[in-house]
Amino acid sequence: MDITSVTVGLPVSDIESACLWYGAVFEREEPDLEPAEGVAEYEIGGIWIQLVVDAHADENEVAVRFGVDDVAAQHARIAALGIDVGPVERVPGAVDWFDFRDPDGNLLSLYSLIDETADR
């Protein structure tokens, strides 16, 4: 599998407050991306920090997300290994993705950027 990028998802209780805090820490006036309601992303040092509104943010589950060229092919490949994978989901205009867990319950995700010109 060729990894094209890495995103670390961090649950937050309030996206506006989180963006103010991370913006100050990362010295950014605004996020690099806001692909969906309640999601803000900063590209930092070659990885993406993704802030995601989560009502259970205090449980502190962190997700590591890996960008791949063909998420559907990787979904099929990983499922064939006998690993329980979630369905491929779509954030319109942004990404296709799916989640799965390692044997210790850590959340992993694979995603592909959507090429909107290919849908035309």
N, C-alpha and C. Protein backbone atom coordinates (compact mmCIF):
# COMPACT_ATOMS: atom_id res chain seq x y z
N MET A 1 0.85 -1.17 0.00
CA MET A 1 0.00 0.00 0.00
C MET A 1 0.90 1.23 0.00
N ASP A 2 0.63 2.14 -0.93
CA ASP A 2 1.35 3.41 -0.98
C ASP A 2 0.55 4.46 -0.22
N ILE A 3 1.16 5.02 0.83
CA ILE A 3 0.52 6.06 1.62
C ILE A 3 0.83 7.40 0.98
N THR A 4 -0.21 8.20 0.72
CA THR A 4 -0.01 9.51 0.09
C THR A 4 -0.02 10.66 1.08
N SER A 5 -0.62 10.43 2.26
CA SER A 5 -0.64 11.46 3.30
C SER A 5 -1.10 10.82 4.61
N VAL A 6 -0.93 11.55 5.70
CA VAL A 6 -1.36 11.07 7.02
C VAL A 6 -2.16 12.18 7.69
N THR A 7 -3.30 11.79 8.29
CA THR A 7 -4.14 12.72 9.03
C THR A 7 -4.39 12.15 10.42
N VAL A 8 -4.20 12.97 11.44
CA VAL A 8 -4.50 12.57 12.81
C VAL A 8 -5.77 13.31 13.22
N GLY A 9 -6.82 12.55 13.51
CA GLY A 9 -8.10 13.13 13.89
C GLY A 9 -8.19 13.33 15.39
N LEU A 10 -8.50 14.53 15.81
CA LEU A 10 -8.62 14.84 17.23
C LEU A 10 -10.04 15.28 17.54
N PRO A 11 -10.71 14.61 18.47
CA PRO A 11 -12.07 15.00 18.83
C PRO A 11 -12.05 16.28 19.66
N VAL A 12 -12.98 17.19 19.34
CA VAL A 12 -13.10 18.44 20.08
C VAL A 12 -14.56 18.68 20.41
N SER A 13 -14.81 19.37 21.50
CA SER A 13 -16.19 19.63 21.91
C SER A 13 -16.77 20.88 21.25
N ASP A 14 -15.91 21.83 20.87
CA ASP A 14 -16.35 23.10 20.29
C ASP A 14 -15.37 23.47 19.18
N ILE A 15 -15.81 23.39 17.93
CA ILE A 15 -14.90 23.61 16.79
C ILE A 15 -14.36 25.04 16.75
N GLU A 16 -15.18 26.03 17.09
CA GLU A 16 -14.71 27.41 17.05
C GLU A 16 -13.61 27.67 18.08
N SER A 17 -13.83 27.20 19.30
CA SER A 17 -12.81 27.36 20.34
C SER A 17 -11.55 26.58 19.99
N ALA A 18 -11.75 25.38 19.46
CA ALA A 18 -10.59 24.55 19.09
C ALA A 18 -9.78 25.23 17.99
N CYS A 19 -10.46 25.82 17.00
CA CYS A 19 -9.75 26.51 15.92
C CYS A 19 -9.00 27.72 16.44
N LEU A 20 -9.58 28.44 17.38
CA LEU A 20 -8.86 29.57 17.98
C LEU A 20 -7.60 29.09 18.69
N TRP A 21 -7.73 28.01 19.46
CA TRP A 21 -6.59 27.49 20.23
C TRP A 21 -5.51 26.95 19.29
N TYR A 22 -5.91 26.05 18.35
CA TYR A 22 -4.92 25.47 17.43
C TYR A 22 -4.36 26.52 16.50
N GLY A 23 -5.20 27.48 16.07
CA GLY A 23 -4.70 28.56 15.23
C GLY A 23 -3.61 29.36 15.93
N ALA A 24 -3.80 29.64 17.21
CA ALA A 24 -2.77 30.36 17.98
C ALA A 24 -1.51 29.51 18.12
N VAL A 25 -1.69 28.24 18.43
CA VAL A 25 -0.53 27.35 18.62
C VAL A 25 0.25 27.20 17.31
N PHE A 26 -0.47 26.98 16.20
CA PHE A 26 0.17 26.76 14.90
C PHE A 26 0.47 28.06 14.15
N GLU A 27 0.12 29.20 14.76
CA GLU A 27 0.31 30.52 14.15
C GLU A 27 -0.41 30.61 12.80
N ARG A 28 -1.69 30.25 12.81
CA ARG A 28 -2.51 30.30 11.61
C ARG A 28 -3.76 31.13 11.89
N GLU A 29 -4.15 31.95 10.95
CA GLU A 29 -5.36 32.75 11.13
C GLU A 29 -6.62 31.92 10.93
N GLU A 30 -6.52 30.86 10.11
CA GLU A 30 -7.67 30.00 9.87
C GLU A 30 -7.17 28.62 9.45
N PRO A 31 -8.04 27.62 9.51
CA PRO A 31 -7.65 26.27 9.09
C PRO A 31 -7.30 26.24 7.60
N ASP A 32 -6.51 25.25 7.21
CA ASP A 32 -6.20 25.06 5.79
C ASP A 32 -7.42 24.54 5.03
N LEU A 33 -8.23 23.70 5.69
CA LEU A 33 -9.43 23.14 5.08
C LEU A 33 -10.55 23.07 6.10
N GLU A 34 -11.76 23.21 5.62
CA GLU A 34 -12.96 22.96 6.42
C GLU A 34 -13.89 22.14 5.51
N PRO A 35 -13.61 20.82 5.37
CA PRO A 35 -14.29 20.00 4.37
C PRO A 35 -15.76 19.69 4.68
N ALA A 36 -16.17 19.84 5.92
CA ALA A 36 -17.55 19.54 6.31
C ALA A 36 -17.86 20.32 7.58
N GLU A 37 -19.14 20.44 7.88
CA GLU A 37 -19.57 21.10 9.12
C GLU A 37 -18.95 20.37 10.31
N GLY A 38 -18.34 21.12 11.22
CA GLY A 38 -17.76 20.52 12.42
C GLY A 38 -16.40 19.88 12.21
N VAL A 39 -15.76 20.17 11.08
CA VAL A 39 -14.43 19.62 10.78
C VAL A 39 -13.53 20.76 10.31
N ALA A 40 -12.32 20.82 10.88
CA ALA A 40 -11.32 21.80 10.45
C ALA A 40 -9.98 21.09 10.41
N GLU A 41 -9.17 21.41 9.40
CA GLU A 41 -7.89 20.72 9.22
C GLU A 41 -6.76 21.71 9.02
N TYR A 42 -5.62 21.36 9.62
CA TYR A 42 -4.39 22.13 9.50
C TYR A 42 -3.30 21.21 8.97
N GLU A 43 -2.60 21.63 7.91
CA GLU A 43 -1.44 20.87 7.45
C GLU A 43 -0.23 21.37 8.21
N ILE A 44 0.37 20.47 8.97
CA ILE A 44 1.49 20.83 9.83
C ILE A 44 2.63 19.84 9.63
N GLY A 45 3.75 20.32 9.16
CA GLY A 45 4.93 19.47 9.05
C GLY A 45 4.73 18.19 8.25
N GLY A 46 3.93 18.27 7.19
CA GLY A 46 3.74 17.10 6.34
C GLY A 46 2.60 16.18 6.74
N ILE A 47 1.94 16.44 7.86
CA ILE A 47 0.75 15.67 8.23
C ILE A 47 -0.41 16.63 8.40
N TRP A 48 -1.61 16.08 8.47
CA TRP A 48 -2.80 16.88 8.69
C TRP A 48 -3.32 16.62 10.09
N ILE A 49 -3.63 17.70 10.81
CA ILE A 49 -4.32 17.61 12.09
C ILE A 49 -5.78 17.95 11.80
N GLN A 50 -6.66 16.99 12.05
CA GLN A 50 -8.08 17.16 11.75
C GLN A 50 -8.85 17.28 13.06
N LEU A 51 -9.47 18.42 13.26
CA LEU A 51 -10.31 18.65 14.44
C LEU A 51 -11.74 18.29 14.06
N VAL A 52 -12.36 17.42 14.86
CA VAL A 52 -13.70 16.92 14.55
C VAL A 52 -14.58 17.08 15.78
N VAL A 53 -15.72 17.77 15.61
CA VAL A 53 -16.66 17.91 16.72
C VAL A 53 -17.17 16.53 17.11
N ASP A 54 -17.07 16.24 18.39
CA ASP A 54 -17.50 14.94 18.91
C ASP A 54 -18.10 15.18 20.29
N ALA A 55 -19.34 14.78 20.47
CA ALA A 55 -20.02 14.97 21.76
C ALA A 55 -19.31 14.23 22.87
N HIS A 56 -18.49 13.25 22.52
CA HIS A 56 -17.76 12.46 23.52
C HIS A 56 -16.27 12.78 23.47
N ALA A 57 -15.93 14.02 23.16
CA ALA A 57 -14.53 14.42 23.02
C ALA A 57 -13.72 14.14 24.28
N ASP A 58 -14.38 14.17 25.43
CA ASP A 58 -13.66 13.94 26.68
C ASP A 58 -13.18 12.49 26.82
N GLU A 59 -13.65 11.59 25.97
CA GLU A 59 -13.15 10.22 25.99
C GLU A 59 -11.82 10.09 25.25
N ASN A 60 -11.45 11.16 24.51
CA ASN A 60 -10.14 11.29 23.89
C ASN A 60 -9.74 10.20 22.92
N GLU A 61 -10.67 9.71 22.11
CA GLU A 61 -10.27 8.76 21.08
C GLU A 61 -9.61 9.51 19.94
N VAL A 62 -8.44 9.08 19.57
CA VAL A 62 -7.69 9.69 18.49
C VAL A 62 -7.70 8.72 17.31
N ALA A 63 -7.87 9.24 16.11
CA ALA A 63 -7.85 8.42 14.90
C ALA A 63 -6.63 8.80 14.07
N VAL A 64 -5.95 7.80 13.53
CA VAL A 64 -4.87 8.04 12.58
C VAL A 64 -5.43 7.68 11.21
N ARG A 65 -5.37 8.65 10.30
CA ARG A 65 -5.96 8.47 8.97
C ARG A 65 -4.84 8.51 7.92
N PHE A 66 -4.89 7.54 7.01
CA PHE A 66 -3.87 7.42 5.96
C PHE A 66 -4.50 7.66 4.60
N GLY A 67 -3.93 8.58 3.84
CA GLY A 67 -4.39 8.84 2.49
C GLY A 67 -3.85 7.80 1.52
N VAL A 68 -4.70 7.30 0.65
CA VAL A 68 -4.32 6.32 -0.38
C VAL A 68 -4.93 6.76 -1.71
N ASP A 69 -4.41 6.22 -2.80
CA ASP A 69 -4.92 6.59 -4.12
C ASP A 69 -6.29 6.02 -4.41
N ASP A 70 -6.57 4.78 -3.95
CA ASP A 70 -7.82 4.10 -4.29
C ASP A 70 -8.41 3.48 -3.04
N VAL A 71 -9.26 4.22 -2.34
CA VAL A 71 -9.82 3.75 -1.07
C VAL A 71 -10.69 2.51 -1.26
N ALA A 72 -11.40 2.41 -2.38
CA ALA A 72 -12.26 1.24 -2.61
C ALA A 72 -11.42 -0.03 -2.73
N ALA A 73 -10.30 0.04 -3.44
CA ALA A 73 -9.42 -1.13 -3.58
C ALA A 73 -8.83 -1.52 -2.23
N GLN A 74 -8.43 -0.55 -1.43
CA GLN A 74 -7.87 -0.86 -0.11
C GLN A 74 -8.94 -1.41 0.83
N HIS A 75 -10.16 -0.91 0.72
CA HIS A 75 -11.28 -1.43 1.51
C HIS A 75 -11.45 -2.92 1.23
N ALA A 76 -11.48 -3.28 -0.04
CA ALA A 76 -11.64 -4.69 -0.43
C ALA A 76 -10.45 -5.52 0.05
N ARG A 77 -9.25 -5.01 -0.11
CA ARG A 77 -8.04 -5.75 0.28
C ARG A 77 -8.00 -6.01 1.78
N ILE A 78 -8.31 -4.98 2.58
CA ILE A 78 -8.24 -5.13 4.04
C ILE A 78 -9.38 -6.03 4.53
N ALA A 79 -10.56 -5.90 3.95
CA ALA A 79 -11.67 -6.80 4.31
C ALA A 79 -11.31 -8.25 4.00
N ALA A 80 -10.60 -8.48 2.90
CA ALA A 80 -10.19 -9.84 2.52
C ALA A 80 -9.19 -10.44 3.52
N LEU A 81 -8.55 -9.60 4.31
CA LEU A 81 -7.64 -10.09 5.35
C LEU A 81 -8.41 -10.58 6.58
N GLY A 82 -9.73 -10.43 6.55
CA GLY A 82 -10.56 -10.84 7.68
C GLY A 82 -10.71 -9.75 8.73
N ILE A 83 -10.34 -8.53 8.38
CA ILE A 83 -10.45 -7.40 9.30
C ILE A 83 -11.83 -6.76 9.11
N ASP A 84 -12.50 -6.48 10.22
CA ASP A 84 -13.82 -5.85 10.19
C ASP A 84 -13.66 -4.39 9.80
N VAL A 85 -14.12 -4.05 8.59
CA VAL A 85 -14.02 -2.67 8.11
C VAL A 85 -15.40 -2.05 8.05
N GLY A 86 -15.47 -0.78 8.28
CA GLY A 86 -16.73 -0.07 8.14
C GLY A 86 -17.00 0.19 6.67
N PRO A 87 -18.18 0.70 6.35
CA PRO A 87 -18.50 1.00 4.95
C PRO A 87 -17.67 2.18 4.44
N VAL A 88 -17.50 2.24 3.14
CA VAL A 88 -16.87 3.42 2.54
C VAL A 88 -17.90 4.55 2.60
N GLU A 89 -17.52 5.65 3.21
CA GLU A 89 -18.37 6.83 3.36
C GLU A 89 -17.85 7.92 2.44
N ARG A 90 -18.67 8.92 2.17
CA ARG A 90 -18.26 10.04 1.32
C ARG A 90 -18.60 11.36 2.00
N VAL A 91 -17.64 12.26 2.01
CA VAL A 91 -17.88 13.66 2.35
C VAL A 91 -17.88 14.38 0.99
N PRO A 92 -19.05 14.79 0.50
CA PRO A 92 -19.15 15.36 -0.84
C PRO A 92 -18.13 16.47 -1.08
N GLY A 93 -17.44 16.38 -2.19
CA GLY A 93 -16.46 17.38 -2.56
C GLY A 93 -15.15 17.29 -1.80
N ALA A 94 -14.99 16.27 -0.97
CA ALA A 94 -13.77 16.19 -0.15
C ALA A 94 -13.10 14.81 -0.24
N VAL A 95 -13.66 13.81 0.46
CA VAL A 95 -13.00 12.51 0.53
C VAL A 95 -13.99 11.35 0.57
N ASP A 96 -13.50 10.18 0.15
CA ASP A 96 -14.13 8.90 0.43
C ASP A 96 -13.26 8.27 1.51
N TRP A 97 -13.88 7.58 2.49
CA TRP A 97 -13.10 7.05 3.61
C TRP A 97 -13.80 5.87 4.25
N PHE A 98 -13.03 5.11 5.05
CA PHE A 98 -13.60 4.08 5.91
C PHE A 98 -12.71 3.90 7.13
N ASP A 99 -13.33 3.42 8.20
CA ASP A 99 -12.63 3.19 9.46
C ASP A 99 -12.50 1.70 9.73
N PHE A 100 -11.49 1.36 10.52
CA PHE A 100 -11.32 0.02 11.06
C PHE A 100 -10.45 0.14 12.30
N ARG A 101 -10.38 -0.92 13.07
CA ARG A 101 -9.62 -0.89 14.32
C ARG A 101 -8.51 -1.93 14.31
N ASP A 102 -7.43 -1.59 15.00
CA ASP A 102 -6.36 -2.57 15.16
C ASP A 102 -6.75 -3.54 16.28
N PRO A 103 -5.96 -4.57 16.53
CA PRO A 103 -6.33 -5.55 17.56
C PRO A 103 -6.50 -4.98 18.96
N ASP A 104 -5.91 -3.80 19.23
CA ASP A 104 -6.05 -3.18 20.54
C ASP A 104 -7.18 -2.16 20.58
N GLY A 105 -7.93 -2.04 19.49
CA GLY A 105 -9.07 -1.13 19.45
C GLY A 105 -8.75 0.28 18.99
N ASN A 106 -7.51 0.54 18.58
CA ASN A 106 -7.15 1.87 18.08
C ASN A 106 -7.81 2.11 16.73
N LEU A 107 -8.36 3.30 16.54
CA LEU A 107 -9.08 3.64 15.33
C LEU A 107 -8.12 4.06 14.22
N LEU A 108 -8.23 3.37 13.08
CA LEU A 108 -7.47 3.71 11.88
C LEU A 108 -8.46 4.01 10.77
N SER A 109 -8.04 4.78 9.80
CA SER A 109 -8.92 5.15 8.70
C SER A 109 -8.08 5.31 7.44
N LEU A 110 -8.66 4.94 6.31
CA LEU A 110 -8.03 5.20 5.02
C LEU A 110 -8.95 6.13 4.24
N TYR A 111 -8.37 7.03 3.46
CA TYR A 111 -9.18 7.97 2.68
C TYR A 111 -8.53 8.26 1.34
N SER A 112 -9.36 8.65 0.39
CA SER A 112 -8.91 9.15 -0.92
C SER A 112 -9.60 10.48 -1.17
N LEU A 113 -8.84 11.41 -1.69
CA LEU A 113 -9.43 12.69 -2.07
C LEU A 113 -10.33 12.47 -3.27
N ILE A 114 -11.45 13.19 -3.30
CA ILE A 114 -12.39 13.07 -4.41
C ILE A 114 -11.93 13.98 -5.54
N ASP A 115 -11.86 13.40 -6.74
CA ASP A 115 -11.56 14.17 -7.94
C ASP A 115 -12.88 14.56 -8.56
N GLU A 116 -13.34 15.78 -8.29
CA GLU A 116 -14.65 16.22 -8.76
C GLU A 116 -14.70 16.28 -10.29
N THR A 117 -13.58 16.45 -10.96
CA THR A 117 -13.60 16.50 -12.42
C THR A 117 -13.89 15.12 -13.01
N ALA A 118 -13.59 14.04 -12.27
CA ALA A 118 -13.84 12.68 -12.75
C ALA A 118 -15.32 12.34 -12.70
N ASP A 119 -16.09 13.04 -11.88
CA ASP A 119 -17.53 12.76 -11.74
C ASP A 119 -18.36 13.42 -12.85
N ARG A 120 -17.74 14.22 -13.65
CA ARG A 120 -18.49 14.98 -14.69
C ARG A 120 -18.66 14.17 -15.94
